[in-house]
Amino acid sequence: MKGQPRELVGTVLSAKMDKTAVVQVERRARHPVYEKVLRLRKKYKAHDEENRCRTGDLVRIVESRPLSREKRWRVEEILERSELSGVRR
């Protein structure tokens, strides 16, 4: 990693694991042939040291060194708390 680490903003889908949150990041891209705007989603496992994240929270995640087999991101900040705490989506 050279320079600034990448930052993404997404929604917490699951916070049931210890010190881990599953964050869904949504981006928009245009189809190369049909030019329709698509909503592309990807899930990242992010390290949440104090287990502060709850399902539905809007968070900023930052790229970090590998923390486990699948965790390469860290929860930097909770931008917006969910009103529906603990409710599955």
PDB file of N, CA and C in Angstrom:
ATOM      1  N   MET A   1       0.835  -1.176   0.000  1.00  0.00           N
ATOM      2  CA  MET A   1       0.000   0.000   0.000  1.00  0.00           C
ATOM      3  C   MET A   1       0.883   1.245   0.000  1.00  0.00           C
ATOM      4  N   LYS A   2       0.779   2.020  -1.018  1.00  0.00           N
ATOM      5  CA  LYS A   2       1.531   3.254  -1.090  1.00  0.00           C
ATOM      6  C   LYS A   2       0.570   4.423  -0.992  1.00  0.00           C
ATOM      7  N   GLY A   3       0.986   5.460  -0.290  1.00  0.00           N
ATOM      8  CA  GLY A   3       0.134   6.632  -0.161  1.00  0.00           C
ATOM      9  C   GLY A   3      -1.015   6.407   0.797  1.00  0.00           C
ATOM     10  N   GLN A   4      -2.132   7.021   0.466  1.00  0.00           N
ATOM     11  CA  GLN A   4      -3.318   6.940   1.312  1.00  0.00           C
ATOM     12  C   GLN A   4      -4.017   5.593   1.151  1.00  0.00           C
ATOM     13  N   PRO A   5      -4.489   4.991   2.257  1.00  0.00           N
ATOM     14  CA  PRO A   5      -5.292   3.768   2.124  1.00  0.00           C
ATOM     15  C   PRO A   5      -6.658   4.084   1.529  1.00  0.00           C
ATOM     16  N   ARG A   6      -7.227   3.118   0.816  1.00  0.00           N
ATOM     17  CA  ARG A   6      -8.545   3.332   0.217  1.00  0.00           C
ATOM     18  C   ARG A   6      -9.600   3.427   1.316  1.00  0.00           C
ATOM     19  N   GLU A   7     -10.619   4.246   1.076  1.00  0.00           N
ATOM     20  CA  GLU A   7     -11.744   4.383   1.997  1.00  0.00           C
ATOM     21  C   GLU A   7     -13.024   4.110   1.231  1.00  0.00           C
ATOM     22  N   LEU A   8     -13.951   3.388   1.856  1.00  0.00           N
ATOM     23  CA  LEU A   8     -15.252   3.100   1.268  1.00  0.00           C
ATOM     24  C   LEU A   8     -16.323   3.400   2.304  1.00  0.00           C
ATOM     25  N   VAL A   9     -17.518   3.707   1.833  1.00  0.00           N
ATOM     26  CA  VAL A   9     -18.659   3.943   2.721  1.00  0.00           C
ATOM     27  C   VAL A   9     -19.716   2.905   2.385  1.00  0.00           C
ATOM     28  N   GLY A  10     -20.244   2.239   3.421  1.00  0.00           N
ATOM     29  CA  GLY A  10     -21.245   1.208   3.184  1.00  0.00           C
ATOM     30  C   GLY A  10     -22.126   0.986   4.394  1.00  0.00           C
ATOM     31  N   THR A  11     -23.038   0.031   4.249  1.00  0.00           N
ATOM     32  CA  THR A  11     -24.016  -0.292   5.273  1.00  0.00           C
ATOM     33  C   THR A  11     -23.655  -1.620   5.930  1.00  0.00           C
ATOM     34  N   VAL A  12     -23.777  -1.685   7.246  1.00  0.00           N
ATOM     35  CA  VAL A  12     -23.486  -2.921   7.975  1.00  0.00           C
ATOM     36  C   VAL A  12     -24.639  -3.899   7.754  1.00  0.00           C
ATOM     37  N   LEU A  13     -24.320  -5.064   7.186  1.00  0.00           N
ATOM     38  CA  LEU A  13     -25.332  -6.104   6.977  1.00  0.00           C
ATOM     39  C   LEU A  13     -25.428  -7.022   8.181  1.00  0.00           C
ATOM     40  N   SER A  14     -24.275  -7.310   8.799  1.00  0.00           N
ATOM     41  CA  SER A  14     -24.249  -8.235   9.913  1.00  0.00           C
ATOM     42  C   SER A  14     -23.154  -7.816  10.885  1.00  0.00           C
ATOM     43  N   ALA A  15     -23.457  -7.889  12.165  1.00  0.00           N
ATOM     44  CA  ALA A  15     -22.464  -7.605  13.201  1.00  0.00           C
ATOM     45  C   ALA A  15     -22.503  -8.711  14.252  1.00  0.00           C
ATOM     46  N   LYS A  16     -22.758  -9.928  13.821  1.00  0.00           N
ATOM     47  CA  LYS A  16     -22.935 -11.038  14.744  1.00  0.00           C
ATOM     48  C   LYS A  16     -21.616 -11.703  15.141  1.00  0.00           C
ATOM     49  N   MET A  17     -20.565 -11.506  14.332  1.00  0.00           N
ATOM     50  CA  MET A  17     -19.272 -12.089  14.666  1.00  0.00           C
ATOM     51  C   MET A  17     -18.549 -11.198  15.673  1.00  0.00           C
ATOM     52  N   ASP A  18     -17.640 -11.792  16.438  1.00  0.00           N
ATOM     53  CA  ASP A  18     -16.881 -11.032  17.416  1.00  0.00           C
ATOM     54  C   ASP A  18     -15.826 -10.193  16.699  1.00  0.00           C
ATOM     55  N   LYS A  19     -15.860  -8.880  16.917  1.00  0.00           N
ATOM     56  CA  LYS A  19     -14.911  -7.920  16.358  1.00  0.00           C
ATOM     57  C   LYS A  19     -14.904  -7.872  14.829  1.00  0.00           C
ATOM     58  N   THR A  20     -16.001  -8.288  14.197  1.00  0.00           N
ATOM     59  CA  THR A  20     -16.097  -8.263  12.736  1.00  0.00           C
ATOM     60  C   THR A  20     -17.479  -7.786  12.323  1.00  0.00           C
ATOM     61  N   ALA A  21     -17.511  -6.944  11.292  1.00  0.00           N
ATOM     62  CA  ALA A  21     -18.774  -6.480  10.714  1.00  0.00           C
ATOM     63  C   ALA A  21     -18.731  -6.757   9.216  1.00  0.00           C
ATOM     64  N   VAL A  22     -19.843  -7.218   8.664  1.00  0.00           N
ATOM     65  CA  VAL A  22     -19.949  -7.398   7.223  1.00  0.00           C
ATOM     66  C   VAL A  22     -20.581  -6.127   6.662  1.00  0.00           C
ATOM     67  N   VAL A  23     -19.841  -5.455   5.780  1.00  0.00           N
ATOM     68  CA  VAL A  23     -20.261  -4.157   5.248  1.00  0.00           C
ATOM     69  C   VAL A  23     -20.524  -4.293   3.756  1.00  0.00           C
ATOM     70  N   GLN A  24     -21.702  -3.838   3.314  1.00  0.00           N
ATOM     71  CA  GLN A  24     -22.046  -3.853   1.895  1.00  0.00           C
ATOM     72  C   GLN A  24     -21.816  -2.464   1.313  1.00  0.00           C
ATOM     73  N   VAL A  25     -20.982  -2.415   0.268  1.00  0.00           N
ATOM     74  CA  VAL A  25     -20.676  -1.159  -0.408  1.00  0.00           C
ATOM     75  C   VAL A  25     -21.355  -1.191  -1.769  1.00  0.00           C
ATOM     76  N   GLU A  26     -22.092  -0.142  -2.069  1.00  0.00           N
ATOM     77  CA  GLU A  26     -22.824  -0.069  -3.335  1.00  0.00           C
ATOM     78  C   GLU A  26     -22.199   1.010  -4.207  1.00  0.00           C
ATOM     79  N   ARG A  27     -22.013   0.689  -5.494  1.00  0.00           N
ATOM     80  CA  ARG A  27     -21.514   1.682  -6.440  1.00  0.00           C
ATOM     81  C   ARG A  27     -22.334   1.602  -7.706  1.00  0.00           C
ATOM     82  N   ARG A  28     -22.277   2.648  -8.506  1.00  0.00           N
ATOM     83  CA  ARG A  28     -23.037   2.691  -9.755  1.00  0.00           C
ATOM     84  C   ARG A  28     -22.053   2.655 -10.908  1.00  0.00           C
ATOM     85  N   ALA A  29     -22.377   1.848 -11.919  1.00  0.00           N
ATOM     86  CA  ALA A  29     -21.521   1.756 -13.101  1.00  0.00           C
ATOM     87  C   ALA A  29     -22.404   1.609 -14.327  1.00  0.00           C
ATOM     88  N   ARG A  30     -21.918   2.094 -15.428  1.00  0.00           N
ATOM     89  CA  ARG A  30     -22.661   2.009 -16.679  1.00  0.00           C
ATOM     90  C   ARG A  30     -22.241   0.749 -17.426  1.00  0.00           C
ATOM     91  N   HIS A  31     -23.219   0.011 -17.953  1.00  0.00           N
ATOM     92  CA  HIS A  31     -22.925  -1.194 -18.724  1.00  0.00           C
ATOM     93  C   HIS A  31     -22.176  -0.791 -19.992  1.00  0.00           C
ATOM     94  N   PRO A  32     -21.092  -1.524 -20.346  1.00  0.00           N
ATOM     95  CA  PRO A  32     -20.269  -1.103 -21.475  1.00  0.00           C
ATOM     96  C   PRO A  32     -20.976  -1.129 -22.832  1.00  0.00           C
ATOM     97  N   VAL A  33     -21.929  -2.036 -23.035  1.00  0.00           N
ATOM     98  CA  VAL A  33     -22.605  -2.144 -24.331  1.00  0.00           C
ATOM     99  C   VAL A  33     -23.961  -1.447 -24.305  1.00  0.00           C
ATOM    100  N   TYR A  34     -24.777  -1.764 -23.305  1.00  0.00           N
ATOM    101  CA  TYR A  34     -26.160  -1.269 -23.277  1.00  0.00           C
ATOM    102  C   TYR A  34     -26.301   0.082 -22.582  1.00  0.00           C
ATOM    103  N   GLU A  35     -25.263   0.536 -21.918  1.00  0.00           N
ATOM    104  CA  GLU A  35     -25.216   1.830 -21.262  1.00  0.00           C
ATOM    105  C   GLU A  35     -26.284   2.058 -20.201  1.00  0.00           C
ATOM    106  N   LYS A  36     -26.823   0.980 -19.665  1.00  0.00           N
ATOM    107  CA  LYS A  36     -27.756   1.102 -18.548  1.00  0.00           C
ATOM    108  C   LYS A  36     -26.944   1.294 -17.268  1.00  0.00           C
ATOM    109  N   VAL A  37     -27.443   2.123 -16.370  1.00  0.00           N
ATOM    110  CA  VAL A  37     -26.760   2.341 -15.100  1.00  0.00           C
ATOM    111  C   VAL A  37     -27.119   1.192 -14.166  1.00  0.00           C
ATOM    112  N   LEU A  38     -26.085   0.503 -13.675  1.00  0.00           N
ATOM    113  CA  LEU A  38     -26.278  -0.654 -12.809  1.00  0.00           C
ATOM    114  C   LEU A  38     -25.851  -0.317 -11.385  1.00  0.00           C
ATOM    115  N   ARG A  39     -26.529  -0.921 -10.411  1.00  0.00           N
ATOM    116  CA  ARG A  39     -26.116  -0.815  -9.009  1.00  0.00           C
ATOM    117  C   ARG A  39     -25.326  -2.062  -8.677  1.00  0.00           C
ATOM    118  N   LEU A  40     -24.040  -1.913  -8.454  1.00  0.00           N
ATOM    119  CA  LEU A  40     -23.184  -3.042  -8.135  1.00  0.00           C
ATOM    120  C   LEU A  40     -22.895  -3.032  -6.644  1.00  0.00           C
ATOM    121  N   ARG A  41     -23.021  -4.197  -6.008  1.00  0.00           N
ATOM    122  CA  ARG A  41     -22.816  -4.307  -4.565  1.00  0.00           C
ATOM    123  C   ARG A  41     -21.715  -5.312  -4.277  1.00  0.00           C
ATOM    124  N   LYS A  42     -20.930  -5.024  -3.251  1.00  0.00           N
ATOM    125  CA  LYS A  42     -19.900  -5.952  -2.826  1.00  0.00           C
ATOM    126  C   LYS A  42     -19.847  -5.946  -1.308  1.00  0.00           C
ATOM    127  N   LYS A  43     -19.583  -7.127  -0.722  1.00  0.00           N
ATOM    128  CA  LYS A  43     -19.501  -7.244   0.732  1.00  0.00           C
ATOM    129  C   LYS A  43     -18.042  -7.332   1.163  1.00  0.00           C
ATOM    130  N   TYR A  44     -17.727  -6.635   2.239  1.00  0.00           N
ATOM    131  CA  TYR A  44     -16.393  -6.673   2.822  1.00  0.00           C
ATOM    132  C   TYR A  44     -16.522  -7.028   4.288  1.00  0.00           C
ATOM    133  N   LYS A  45     -15.578  -7.822   4.798  1.00  0.00           N
ATOM    134  CA  LYS A  45     -15.509  -8.083   6.233  1.00  0.00           C
ATOM    135  C   LYS A  45     -14.536  -7.079   6.819  1.00  0.00           C
ATOM    136  N   ALA A  46     -14.999  -6.320   7.808  1.00  0.00           N
ATOM    137  CA  ALA A  46     -14.194  -5.252   8.396  1.00  0.00           C
ATOM    138  C   ALA A  46     -14.010  -5.483   9.891  1.00  0.00           C
ATOM    139  N   HIS A  47     -12.841  -5.133  10.376  1.00  0.00           N
ATOM    140  CA  HIS A  47     -12.494  -5.291  11.787  1.00  0.00           C
ATOM    141  C   HIS A  47     -13.152  -4.179  12.609  1.00  0.00           C
ATOM    142  N   ASP A  48     -13.885  -4.573  13.641  1.00  0.00           N
ATOM    143  CA  ASP A  48     -14.578  -3.643  14.534  1.00  0.00           C
ATOM    144  C   ASP A  48     -14.129  -3.966  15.956  1.00  0.00           C
ATOM    145  N   GLU A  49     -13.052  -3.336  16.388  1.00  0.00           N
ATOM    146  CA  GLU A  49     -12.380  -3.698  17.639  1.00  0.00           C
ATOM    147  C   GLU A  49     -13.298  -3.690  18.852  1.00  0.00           C
ATOM    148  N   GLU A  50     -14.155  -2.680  18.997  1.00  0.00           N
ATOM    149  CA  GLU A  50     -14.990  -2.568  20.192  1.00  0.00           C
ATOM    150  C   GLU A  50     -16.417  -3.071  19.992  1.00  0.00           C
ATOM    151  N   ASN A  51     -16.696  -3.741  18.892  1.00  0.00           N
ATOM    152  CA  ASN A  51     -18.047  -4.256  18.592  1.00  0.00           C
ATOM    153  C   ASN A  51     -19.089  -3.143  18.681  1.00  0.00           C
ATOM    154  N   ARG A  52     -18.787  -1.968  18.109  1.00  0.00           N
ATOM    155  CA  ARG A  52     -19.699  -0.833  18.168  1.00  0.00           C
ATOM    156  C   ARG A  52     -20.745  -0.859  17.066  1.00  0.00           C
ATOM    157  N   CYS A  53     -20.470  -1.531  15.953  1.00  0.00           N
ATOM    158  CA  CYS A  53     -21.379  -1.527  14.802  1.00  0.00           C
ATOM    159  C   CYS A  53     -22.630  -2.349  15.080  1.00  0.00           C
ATOM    160  N   ARG A  54     -23.732  -1.849  14.523  1.00  0.00           N
ATOM    161  CA  ARG A  54     -24.996  -2.583  14.578  1.00  0.00           C
ATOM    162  C   ARG A  54     -25.538  -2.692  13.166  1.00  0.00           C
ATOM    163  N   THR A  55     -26.395  -3.650  12.928  1.00  0.00           N
ATOM    164  CA  THR A  55     -26.993  -3.849  11.610  1.00  0.00           C
ATOM    165  C   THR A  55     -27.697  -2.578  11.153  1.00  0.00           C
ATOM    166  N   GLY A  56     -27.404  -2.160   9.924  1.00  0.00           N
ATOM    167  CA  GLY A  56     -28.040  -0.986   9.360  1.00  0.00           C
ATOM    168  C   GLY A  56     -27.242   0.295   9.492  1.00  0.00           C
ATOM    169  N   ASP A  57     -26.175   0.300  10.280  1.00  0.00           N
ATOM    170  CA  ASP A  57     -25.359   1.510  10.446  1.00  0.00           C
ATOM    171  C   ASP A  57     -24.638   1.848   9.139  1.00  0.00           C
ATOM    172  N   LEU A  58     -24.441   3.125   8.914  1.00  0.00           N
ATOM    173  CA  LEU A  58     -23.645   3.593   7.782  1.00  0.00           C
ATOM    174  C   LEU A  58     -22.237   3.842   8.311  1.00  0.00           C
ATOM    175  N   VAL A  59     -21.236   3.159   7.731  1.00  0.00           N
ATOM    176  CA  VAL A  59     -19.869   3.236   8.253  1.00  0.00           C
ATOM    177  C   VAL A  59     -18.872   3.551   7.149  1.00  0.00           C
ATOM    178  N   ARG A  60     -17.712   4.089   7.573  1.00  0.00           N
ATOM    179  CA  ARG A  60     -16.590   4.272   6.656  1.00  0.00           C
ATOM    180  C   ARG A  60     -15.560   3.205   7.010  1.00  0.00           C
ATOM    181  N   ILE A  61     -15.114   2.429   6.000  1.00  0.00           N
ATOM    182  CA  ILE A  61     -14.096   1.415   6.223  1.00  0.00           C
ATOM    183  C   ILE A  61     -12.824   1.822   5.484  1.00  0.00           C
ATOM    184  N   VAL A  62     -11.676   1.425   6.056  1.00  0.00           N
ATOM    185  CA  VAL A  62     -10.376   1.790   5.515  1.00  0.00           C
ATOM    186  C   VAL A  62      -9.572   0.521   5.290  1.00  0.00           C
ATOM    187  N   GLU A  63      -8.866   0.487   4.170  1.00  0.00           N
ATOM    188  CA  GLU A  63      -8.028  -0.661   3.841  1.00  0.00           C
ATOM    189  C   GLU A  63      -6.899  -0.779   4.864  1.00  0.00           C
ATOM    190  N   SER A  64      -6.557  -2.019   5.248  1.00  0.00           N
ATOM    191  CA  SER A  64      -5.483  -2.233   6.217  1.00  0.00           C
ATOM    192  C   SER A  64      -4.717  -3.501   5.850  1.00  0.00           C
ATOM    193  N   ARG A  65      -3.758  -3.842   6.669  1.00  0.00           N
ATOM    194  CA  ARG A  65      -3.022  -5.082   6.448  1.00  0.00           C
ATOM    195  C   ARG A  65      -3.971  -6.262   6.677  1.00  0.00           C
ATOM    196  N   PRO A  66      -3.650  -7.455   6.165  1.00  0.00           N
ATOM    197  CA  PRO A  66      -4.516  -8.616   6.418  1.00  0.00           C
ATOM    198  C   PRO A  66      -4.604  -8.921   7.918  1.00  0.00           C
ATOM    199  N   LEU A  67      -5.830  -8.975   8.425  1.00  0.00           N
ATOM    200  CA  LEU A  67      -6.055  -9.249   9.844  1.00  0.00           C
ATOM    201  C   LEU A  67      -6.480 -10.688  10.080  1.00  0.00           C
ATOM    202  N   SER A  68      -7.024 -11.319   9.061  1.00  0.00           N
ATOM    203  CA  SER A  68      -7.377 -12.730   9.114  1.00  0.00           C
ATOM    204  C   SER A  68      -7.503 -13.200   7.665  1.00  0.00           C
ATOM    205  N   ARG A  69      -8.046 -14.369   7.443  1.00  0.00           N
ATOM    206  CA  ARG A  69      -8.126 -14.899   6.090  1.00  0.00           C
ATOM    207  C   ARG A  69      -8.931 -14.008   5.158  1.00  0.00           C
ATOM    208  N   GLU A  70     -10.009 -13.412   5.653  1.00  0.00           N
ATOM    209  CA  GLU A  70     -10.877 -12.608   4.795  1.00  0.00           C
ATOM    210  C   GLU A  70     -10.925 -11.128   5.169  1.00  0.00           C
ATOM    211  N   LYS A  71     -10.377 -10.750   6.330  1.00  0.00           N
ATOM    212  CA  LYS A  71     -10.478  -9.355   6.775  1.00  0.00           C
ATOM    213  C   LYS A  71      -9.271  -8.550   6.318  1.00  0.00           C
ATOM    214  N   ARG A  72      -9.523  -7.550   5.458  1.00  0.00           N
ATOM    215  CA  ARG A  72      -8.482  -6.635   5.016  1.00  0.00           C
ATOM    216  C   ARG A  72      -8.932  -5.188   5.170  1.00  0.00           C
ATOM    217  N   TRP A  73     -10.008  -4.968   5.907  1.00  0.00           N
ATOM    218  CA  TRP A  73     -10.562  -3.631   6.100  1.00  0.00           C
ATOM    219  C   TRP A  73     -10.815  -3.418   7.580  1.00  0.00           C
ATOM    220  N   ARG A  74     -10.873  -2.153   7.988  1.00  0.00           N
ATOM    221  CA  ARG A  74     -11.091  -1.777   9.368  1.00  0.00           C
ATOM    222  C   ARG A  74     -12.183  -0.719   9.401  1.00  0.00           C
ATOM    223  N   VAL A  75     -13.091  -0.803  10.387  1.00  0.00           N
ATOM    224  CA  VAL A  75     -14.135   0.220  10.538  1.00  0.00           C
ATOM    225  C   VAL A  75     -13.468   1.456  11.113  1.00  0.00           C
ATOM    226  N   GLU A  76     -13.482   2.539  10.350  1.00  0.00           N
ATOM    227  CA  GLU A  76     -12.839   3.785  10.756  1.00  0.00           C
ATOM    228  C   GLU A  76     -13.793   4.642  11.586  1.00  0.00           C
ATOM    229  N   GLU A  77     -15.059   4.707  11.138  1.00  0.00           N
ATOM    230  CA  GLU A  77     -15.992   5.631  11.776  1.00  0.00           C
ATOM    231  C   GLU A  77     -17.424   5.208  11.465  1.00  0.00           C
ATOM    232  N   ILE A  78     -18.303   5.382  12.439  1.00  0.00           N
ATOM    233  CA  ILE A  78     -19.732   5.163  12.215  1.00  0.00           C
ATOM    234  C   ILE A  78     -20.316   6.521  11.841  1.00  0.00           C
ATOM    235  N   LEU A  79     -20.788   6.636  10.603  1.00  0.00           N
ATOM    236  CA  LEU A  79     -21.287   7.913  10.100  1.00  0.00           C
ATOM    237  C   LEU A  79     -22.721   8.184  10.523  1.00  0.00           C
ATOM    238  N   GLU A  80     -23.524   7.111  10.568  1.00  0.00           N
ATOM    239  CA  GLU A  80     -24.941   7.279  10.898  1.00  0.00           C
ATOM    240  C   GLU A  80     -25.441   6.011  11.579  1.00  0.00           C
ATOM    241  N   ARG A  81     -26.080   6.185  12.719  1.00  0.00           N
ATOM    242  CA  ARG A  81     -26.642   5.047  13.446  1.00  0.00           C
ATOM    243  C   ARG A  81     -27.982   4.634  12.844  1.00  0.00           C
ATOM    244  N   SER A  82     -28.248   3.335  12.858  1.00  0.00           N
ATOM    245  CA  SER A  82     -29.510   2.819  12.352  1.00  0.00           C
ATOM    246  C   SER A  82     -30.592   2.955  13.410  1.00  0.00           C
ATOM    247  N   GLU A  83     -31.793   3.278  12.971  1.00  0.00           N
ATOM    248  CA  GLU A  83     -32.927   3.321  13.903  1.00  0.00           C
ATOM    249  C   GLU A  83     -33.404   1.914  14.209  1.00  0.00           C
ATOM    250  N   LEU A  84     -33.229   1.013  13.261  1.00  0.00           N
ATOM    251  CA  LEU A  84     -33.664  -0.371  13.427  1.00  0.00           C
ATOM    252  C   LEU A  84     -32.496  -1.213  13.906  1.00  0.00           C
ATOM    253  N   SER A  85     -32.134  -1.033  15.159  1.00  0.00           N
ATOM    254  CA  SER A  85     -30.984  -1.741  15.721  1.00  0.00           C
ATOM    255  C   SER A  85     -31.283  -3.227  15.857  1.00  0.00           C
ATOM    256  N   GLY A  86     -30.414  -4.059  15.284  1.00  0.00           N
ATOM    257  CA  GLY A  86     -30.523  -5.492  15.443  1.00  0.00           C
ATOM    258  C   GLY A  86     -31.566  -6.150  14.565  1.00  0.00           C
ATOM    259  N   VAL A  87     -32.230  -5.419  13.675  1.00  0.00           N
ATOM    260  CA  VAL A  87     -33.236  -6.000  12.811  1.00  0.00           C
ATOM    261  C   VAL A  87     -32.570  -6.455  11.521  1.00  0.00           C
ATOM    262  N   ARG A  88     -32.880  -7.684  11.084  1.00  0.00           N
ATOM    263  CA  ARG A  88     -32.300  -8.207   9.853  1.00  0.00           C
ATOM    264  C   ARG A  88     -32.905  -7.554   8.651  1.00  0.00           C
ATOM    265  N   ARG A  89     -32.099  -7.376   7.600  1.00  0.00           N
ATOM    266  CA  ARG A  89     -32.596  -6.805   6.352  1.00  0.00           C
ATOM    267  C   ARG A  89     -32.669  -7.858   5.297  1.00  0.00           C
TER     268      ARG A  89
END
